[in-house]
């Protein structure tokens, strides 16, 4: 219902209440025309919900229309490439995420864009932890039971993923390494296909974002074993953390951040960052995104860039440890 409502809202409609920081644009300075926010995932998905929710508020704050442009495909890489190769003027932005920004460069020998060289972080907007889930028909009701059962049988555990090289894929590899398990990743091309396979019991387990897993768990379609978050999820307070389950190093999450092409003027980046931070502090944005399972960030320019660099190093090490190459 939330996603349908968001999709039905025109992004050019300003919200009724004026914000203290609403007047960023002045005559002759940025922005003085429409801004395009590219999302590398289909309409109605988690990234799209973030983009449209924040986009509505940025339209109000910047006093210019912000239009969401869904460029789905290749795990967000199509959208990332489009922004990386665009004019560095602040009018084409990207809702980037950990997969296409931090994981892809280490997974692909020949990537069509270079995030470190061609994109600059404006602000980290939200994060979503992952939930280790199994079908409701699974005999396992805890992480301990899953590990013990798999070890006892000496079998590989089939882990469903939303695609090779995604956080869920490498999260499963990370967990297997810590638990001493052997896993067999089963990659699906679409999120819906992976969830359908999980519910049907075609795969034994998966790491699914809290935002996506919560409705399935509450609806009795999946069983949650543990969350990768540092603390228990407010949406699923009965689900233990991986630390509580004995695996503190399995602590990954999916983050979503606003990016601009490298070379965008510093003054423009500053305007965009201040607007993004202001948007993330508003009650309506907080309510919508928290209800959807996201933890809000809203970081400054320096902090955002530092985070992206650290994540690139971290995930490169994870990818290297698995020996995985997408091409």
Protein backbone atom coordinates (compact mmCIF):
# COMPACT_ATOMS: atom_id res chain seq x y z
CA UNK A 1 0.00 0.00 0.00
CA UNK A 2 2.83 2.40 0.89
CA UNK A 3 4.58 1.76 -2.39
CA UNK A 4 1.38 2.25 -4.41
CA UNK A 5 0.75 5.56 -2.67
CA UNK A 6 4.30 6.75 -3.32
CA UNK A 7 4.14 5.75 -6.97
CA UNK A 8 0.87 7.64 -7.33
CA UNK A 9 2.32 10.88 -6.03
CA UNK A 10 3.68 13.34 -8.62
CA UNK A 11 7.18 14.34 -7.62
CA UNK A 12 6.55 17.92 -8.64
CA UNK A 13 3.93 18.48 -5.95
CA UNK A 14 5.29 20.54 -3.09
CA UNK A 15 4.37 19.57 0.44
CA UNK A 16 2.06 21.89 2.32
CA UNK A 17 4.31 22.85 5.21
CA UNK A 18 7.26 25.11 4.51
CA UNK A 19 10.62 24.15 6.03
CA UNK A 20 13.08 26.48 7.73
CA UNK A 21 15.68 25.41 5.17
CA UNK A 22 13.33 25.50 2.19
CA UNK A 23 14.88 28.45 0.36
CA UNK A 24 18.11 27.04 -1.09
CA UNK A 25 17.72 28.31 -4.62
CA UNK A 26 18.19 31.93 -5.60
CA UNK A 27 18.04 33.55 -9.00
CA UNK A 28 20.93 32.46 -11.19
CA UNK A 29 22.35 29.86 -8.79
CA UNK A 30 21.88 26.11 -8.37
CA UNK A 31 19.31 24.74 -8.79
CA UNK A 32 17.32 26.69 -11.35
CA UNK A 33 15.69 23.78 -13.20
CA UNK A 34 14.52 20.20 -12.88
CA UNK A 35 16.79 17.62 -11.21
CA UNK A 36 16.80 13.96 -12.22
CA UNK A 37 17.44 11.23 -9.63
CA UNK A 38 18.37 7.91 -11.26
CA UNK A 39 17.60 4.67 -9.40
CA UNK A 40 19.06 1.41 -10.65
CA UNK A 41 16.09 -0.68 -9.54
CA UNK A 42 12.44 -1.07 -10.58
CA UNK A 43 9.57 1.06 -9.30
CA UNK A 44 8.10 -0.22 -6.06
CA UNK A 45 11.34 -1.72 -4.71
CA UNK A 46 13.08 -0.56 -1.53
CA UNK A 47 15.53 1.78 -3.32
CA UNK A 48 12.65 3.29 -5.27
CA UNK A 49 10.68 3.92 -2.06
CA UNK A 50 13.71 5.75 -0.62
CA UNK A 51 14.19 7.81 -3.79
CA UNK A 52 10.55 8.87 -4.05
CA UNK A 53 10.17 9.65 -0.36
CA UNK A 54 13.32 11.76 -0.22
CA UNK A 55 12.66 13.16 -3.70
CA UNK A 56 9.32 14.61 -2.63
CA UNK A 57 10.99 16.45 0.22
CA UNK A 58 13.90 17.67 -1.91
CA UNK A 59 11.40 19.09 -4.41
CA UNK A 60 9.96 21.16 -1.58
CA UNK A 61 13.30 22.20 -0.10
CA UNK A 62 15.09 23.07 -3.35
CA UNK A 63 12.01 24.67 -4.94
CA UNK A 64 12.66 22.76 -8.14
CA UNK A 65 11.04 19.54 -9.40
CA UNK A 66 12.99 16.35 -8.76
CA UNK A 67 12.00 13.46 -11.02
CA UNK A 68 12.83 9.83 -10.25
CA UNK A 69 14.17 7.92 -13.27
CA UNK A 70 14.22 4.12 -12.85
CA UNK A 71 17.09 2.56 -14.83
CA UNK A 72 16.77 -1.03 -13.60
CA UNK A 73 19.22 -3.79 -14.40
CA UNK A 74 22.55 -5.42 -13.59
CA UNK A 75 22.15 -4.97 -9.85
CA UNK A 76 22.09 -1.18 -10.04
CA UNK A 77 25.04 -0.91 -12.42
CA UNK A 78 23.05 0.51 -15.34
CA UNK A 79 21.91 3.45 -13.25
CA UNK A 80 25.36 4.00 -11.75
CA UNK A 81 26.96 4.06 -15.19
CA UNK A 82 24.41 6.57 -16.48
CA UNK A 83 25.23 9.05 -13.72
CA UNK A 84 28.98 8.42 -13.82
CA UNK A 85 29.01 9.43 -17.50
CA UNK A 86 26.66 12.43 -17.14
CA UNK A 87 27.44 16.14 -16.95
CA UNK A 88 28.85 17.13 -13.53
CA UNK A 89 26.40 19.97 -12.97
CA UNK A 90 24.26 18.60 -10.13
CA UNK A 91 21.17 18.04 -12.26
CA UNK A 92 21.69 14.28 -12.67
CA UNK A 93 22.02 12.38 -9.40
CA UNK A 94 22.17 8.73 -8.37
CA UNK A 95 20.65 6.81 -5.52
CA UNK A 96 23.66 4.52 -5.19
CA UNK A 97 23.93 1.42 -3.03
CA UNK A 98 26.57 -0.91 -1.66
CA UNK A 99 26.31 -3.45 -4.48
CA UNK A 100 26.96 -1.22 -7.50
CA UNK A 101 29.32 1.15 -5.67
CA UNK A 102 31.40 -0.97 -3.26
CA UNK A 103 31.05 -4.60 -4.36
CA UNK A 104 30.92 -4.42 -8.17
CA UNK A 105 34.42 -2.92 -8.65
CA UNK A 106 35.95 -5.92 -6.87
CA UNK A 107 33.66 -8.45 -8.56
CA UNK A 108 34.07 -7.41 -12.18
CA UNK A 109 37.36 -7.36 -14.08
CA UNK A 110 35.92 -4.89 -16.58
CA UNK A 111 33.34 -2.55 -15.09
CA UNK A 112 31.87 0.11 -17.38
CA UNK A 113 32.32 2.83 -14.75
CA UNK A 114 34.69 3.59 -11.89
CA UNK A 115 32.82 4.66 -8.73
CA UNK A 116 35.96 5.89 -6.97
CA UNK A 117 36.97 8.11 -9.90
CA UNK A 118 33.67 9.07 -11.53
CA UNK A 119 31.23 9.50 -8.63
CA UNK A 120 31.23 11.56 -5.45
CA UNK A 121 29.10 10.86 -2.39
CA UNK A 122 26.69 13.64 -1.40
CA UNK A 123 25.04 12.04 1.62
CA UNK A 124 24.31 8.59 2.99
CA UNK A 125 20.53 8.52 3.32
CA UNK A 126 19.50 5.19 4.86
CA UNK A 127 20.66 1.71 5.78
CA UNK A 128 18.88 -1.61 5.98
CA UNK A 129 20.24 -4.55 7.92
CA UNK A 130 19.74 -8.11 6.70
CA UNK A 131 17.73 -10.92 8.23
CA UNK A 132 18.81 -14.54 7.93
CA UNK A 133 15.58 -16.28 6.94
CA UNK A 134 14.45 -19.83 6.22
CA UNK A 135 11.15 -21.22 4.89
CA UNK A 136 8.48 -21.73 7.56
CA UNK A 137 8.68 -25.47 6.76
CA UNK A 138 12.37 -25.55 7.68
CA UNK A 139 13.31 -27.68 10.71
CA UNK A 140 15.68 -24.93 11.87
CA UNK A 141 14.45 -22.37 14.37
CA UNK A 142 17.76 -20.74 15.30
CA UNK A 143 21.16 -20.03 13.78
CA UNK A 144 22.65 -22.66 16.09
CA UNK A 145 20.25 -25.31 14.77
CA UNK A 146 20.97 -24.36 11.16
CA UNK A 147 24.72 -24.64 11.65
CA UNK A 148 24.52 -27.87 13.64
CA UNK A 149 22.08 -29.46 11.19
CA UNK A 150 24.14 -28.62 8.14
CA UNK A 151 27.37 -29.77 9.80
CA UNK A 152 25.78 -32.99 10.94
CA UNK A 153 24.62 -33.91 7.45
CA UNK A 154 27.81 -32.74 5.80
CA UNK A 155 25.74 -31.14 3.05
CA UNK A 156 25.98 -27.78 1.36
CA UNK A 157 23.32 -25.26 2.37
CA UNK A 158 21.50 -23.76 -0.60
CA UNK A 159 21.42 -19.97 -0.10
CA UNK A 160 19.15 -17.94 -2.32
CA UNK A 161 20.45 -14.55 -3.46
CA UNK A 162 19.13 -11.58 -5.44
CA UNK A 163 22.01 -11.97 -7.87
CA UNK A 164 25.68 -12.84 -8.00
CA UNK A 165 27.85 -10.20 -6.39
CA UNK A 166 25.06 -8.70 -4.27
CA UNK A 167 25.34 -8.06 -0.50
CA UNK A 168 23.11 -11.06 0.21
CA UNK A 169 25.44 -13.28 -1.82
CA UNK A 170 28.61 -12.20 -0.08
CA UNK A 171 26.84 -12.03 3.27
CA UNK A 172 26.08 -15.72 2.86
CA UNK A 173 29.72 -16.38 2.02
CA UNK A 174 30.78 -14.36 5.06
CA UNK A 175 28.44 -16.35 7.29
CA UNK A 176 29.64 -19.67 5.84
CA UNK A 177 33.24 -18.73 6.54
CA UNK A 178 32.49 -17.80 10.16
CA UNK A 179 30.27 -20.84 10.79
CA UNK A 180 32.47 -23.36 8.99
CA UNK A 181 29.71 -24.25 6.55
CA UNK A 182 29.71 -25.13 2.90
CA UNK A 183 27.11 -23.25 0.91
CA UNK A 184 25.78 -23.35 -2.62
CA UNK A 185 24.60 -19.89 -3.76
CA UNK A 186 21.49 -19.98 -5.93
CA UNK A 187 21.29 -16.70 -7.83
CA UNK A 188 17.95 -15.29 -8.96
CA UNK A 189 17.55 -12.50 -11.50
CA UNK A 190 14.70 -10.77 -9.66
CA UNK A 191 13.91 -10.14 -6.02
CA UNK A 192 10.42 -11.57 -6.42
CA UNK A 193 11.79 -14.82 -7.84
CA UNK A 194 14.11 -15.29 -4.87
CA UNK A 195 11.34 -14.64 -2.33
CA UNK A 196 9.01 -17.05 -4.16
CA UNK A 197 11.70 -19.73 -4.08
CA UNK A 198 12.27 -19.16 -0.36
CA UNK A 199 8.60 -19.36 0.51
CA UNK A 200 8.25 -22.53 -1.56
CA UNK A 201 11.25 -24.14 0.12
CA UNK A 202 13.26 -24.38 -3.10
CA UNK A 203 16.26 -22.96 -1.22
CA UNK A 204 17.16 -23.51 2.42
CA UNK A 205 18.05 -19.99 3.54
CA UNK A 206 18.85 -16.43 2.46
CA UNK A 207 19.91 -13.05 3.77
CA UNK A 208 17.09 -10.61 3.00
CA UNK A 209 16.97 -6.91 3.92
CA UNK A 210 14.85 -6.05 6.94
CA UNK A 211 12.68 -3.81 4.76
CA UNK A 212 11.83 -6.74 2.48
CA UNK A 213 11.81 -9.54 5.05
CA UNK A 214 9.59 -7.98 7.73
CA UNK A 215 6.26 -8.29 5.83
CA UNK A 216 7.06 -11.88 4.82
CA UNK A 217 7.96 -12.82 8.39
CA UNK A 218 4.95 -11.11 9.94
CA UNK A 219 2.76 -12.74 7.30
CA UNK A 220 3.96 -16.18 8.32
CA UNK A 221 5.65 -16.90 4.99
CA UNK A 222 9.26 -16.90 6.23
CA UNK A 223 10.97 -17.60 9.56
CA UNK A 224 13.61 -15.22 10.88
CA UNK A 225 16.72 -16.61 12.59
CA UNK A 226 18.86 -13.51 13.19
CA UNK A 227 19.56 -9.96 12.06
CA UNK A 228 22.94 -8.61 10.95
CA UNK A 229 22.31 -5.33 12.78
CA UNK A 230 24.22 -4.21 15.86
CA UNK A 231 20.91 -4.12 17.75
CA UNK A 232 17.58 -5.85 17.26
CA UNK A 233 15.26 -4.42 14.65
CA UNK A 234 12.40 -2.25 15.87
CA UNK A 235 10.20 -3.99 13.30
CA UNK A 236 11.24 -7.46 14.52
CA UNK A 237 12.17 -7.06 18.19
CA UNK A 238 11.95 -10.80 18.89
CA UNK A 239 14.65 -11.65 16.34
CA UNK A 240 18.14 -12.04 17.83
CA UNK A 241 21.22 -10.38 16.36
CA UNK A 242 24.00 -12.41 14.76
CA UNK A 243 26.17 -11.29 17.66
CA UNK A 244 23.71 -12.80 20.11
CA UNK A 245 23.73 -15.94 17.98
CA UNK A 246 27.52 -16.17 18.31
CA UNK A 247 28.64 -14.64 15.00
CA UNK A 248 29.59 -10.98 15.68
CA UNK A 249 31.61 -10.64 12.46
CA UNK A 250 28.53 -11.20 10.32
CA UNK A 251 27.55 -7.54 10.58
CA UNK A 252 26.92 -6.28 7.06
CA UNK A 253 24.13 -3.99 5.85
CA UNK A 254 22.82 -2.39 2.68
CA UNK A 255 23.28 1.36 2.49
CA UNK A 256 21.79 3.85 0.05
CA UNK A 257 23.43 7.20 -0.65
CA UNK A 258 23.01 10.19 -2.90
CA UNK A 259 25.80 10.55 -5.51
CA UNK A 260 26.76 13.12 -8.12
CA UNK A 261 29.22 12.86 -11.02
CA UNK A 262 32.82 13.62 -10.07
CA UNK A 263 33.71 17.19 -10.99
CA UNK A 264 30.43 18.64 -9.74
CA UNK A 265 31.20 22.10 -8.25
CA UNK A 266 31.79 22.06 -4.50
CA UNK A 267 29.18 24.77 -4.00
CA UNK A 268 26.59 22.62 -5.76
CA UNK A 269 27.53 19.57 -3.68
CA UNK A 270 27.16 21.68 -0.56
CA UNK A 271 23.64 22.78 -1.54
CA UNK A 272 22.64 19.19 -2.30
CA UNK A 273 24.10 17.89 0.95
CA UNK A 274 22.39 20.49 3.11
CA UNK A 275 19.08 19.78 1.39
CA UNK A 276 19.49 16.01 1.84
CA UNK A 277 20.39 16.35 5.52
CA UNK A 278 17.41 18.65 6.07
CA UNK A 279 15.10 16.19 4.27
CA UNK A 280 16.21 13.26 6.42
CA UNK A 281 15.46 15.22 9.60
CA UNK A 282 11.81 15.88 8.78
CA UNK A 283 9.16 13.88 10.69
CA UNK A 284 7.26 12.68 7.62
CA UNK A 285 10.37 11.31 5.89
CA UNK A 286 11.45 9.61 9.11
CA UNK A 287 8.05 8.04 9.59
CA UNK A 288 7.72 6.66 6.06
CA UNK A 289 11.22 5.24 5.83
CA UNK A 290 11.36 3.83 9.35
CA UNK A 291 8.00 2.16 8.83
CA UNK A 292 9.45 0.66 5.65
CA UNK A 293 12.32 -0.87 7.65
CA UNK A 294 15.13 1.61 7.04
CA UNK A 295 17.47 3.25 9.53
CA UNK A 296 17.99 6.94 8.66
CA UNK A 297 21.42 8.52 8.27
CA UNK A 298 21.71 11.92 6.56
CA UNK A 299 25.48 12.39 6.72
CA UNK A 300 27.72 15.29 5.71
CA UNK A 301 29.97 15.37 2.65
CA UNK A 302 33.20 14.36 4.39
CA UNK A 303 31.57 11.62 6.44
CA UNK A 304 29.81 10.25 3.36
CA UNK A 305 32.98 10.07 1.30
CA UNK A 306 34.83 8.45 4.19
CA UNK A 307 32.12 5.80 4.48
CA UNK A 308 32.22 4.97 0.77
CA UNK A 309 36.00 4.56 0.79
CA UNK A 310 35.91 2.33 3.86
CA UNK A 311 33.16 0.17 2.36
CA UNK A 312 35.15 -0.27 -0.86
CA UNK A 313 38.11 -1.62 1.11
CA UNK A 314 35.94 -3.87 3.28
CA UNK A 315 33.98 -5.47 0.46
CA UNK A 316 37.06 -5.87 -1.75
CA UNK A 317 38.54 -8.04 1.01
CA UNK A 318 35.33 -10.09 1.26
CA UNK A 319 35.21 -10.62 -2.51
CA UNK A 320 38.89 -11.58 -2.63
CA UNK A 321 38.42 -14.11 0.17
CA UNK A 322 35.70 -15.89 -1.81
CA UNK A 323 37.65 -15.91 -5.08
CA UNK A 324 34.48 -14.81 -6.85
CA UNK A 325 34.56 -13.08 -10.23
CA UNK A 326 31.35 -12.14 -12.01
CA UNK A 327 33.07 -12.11 -15.40
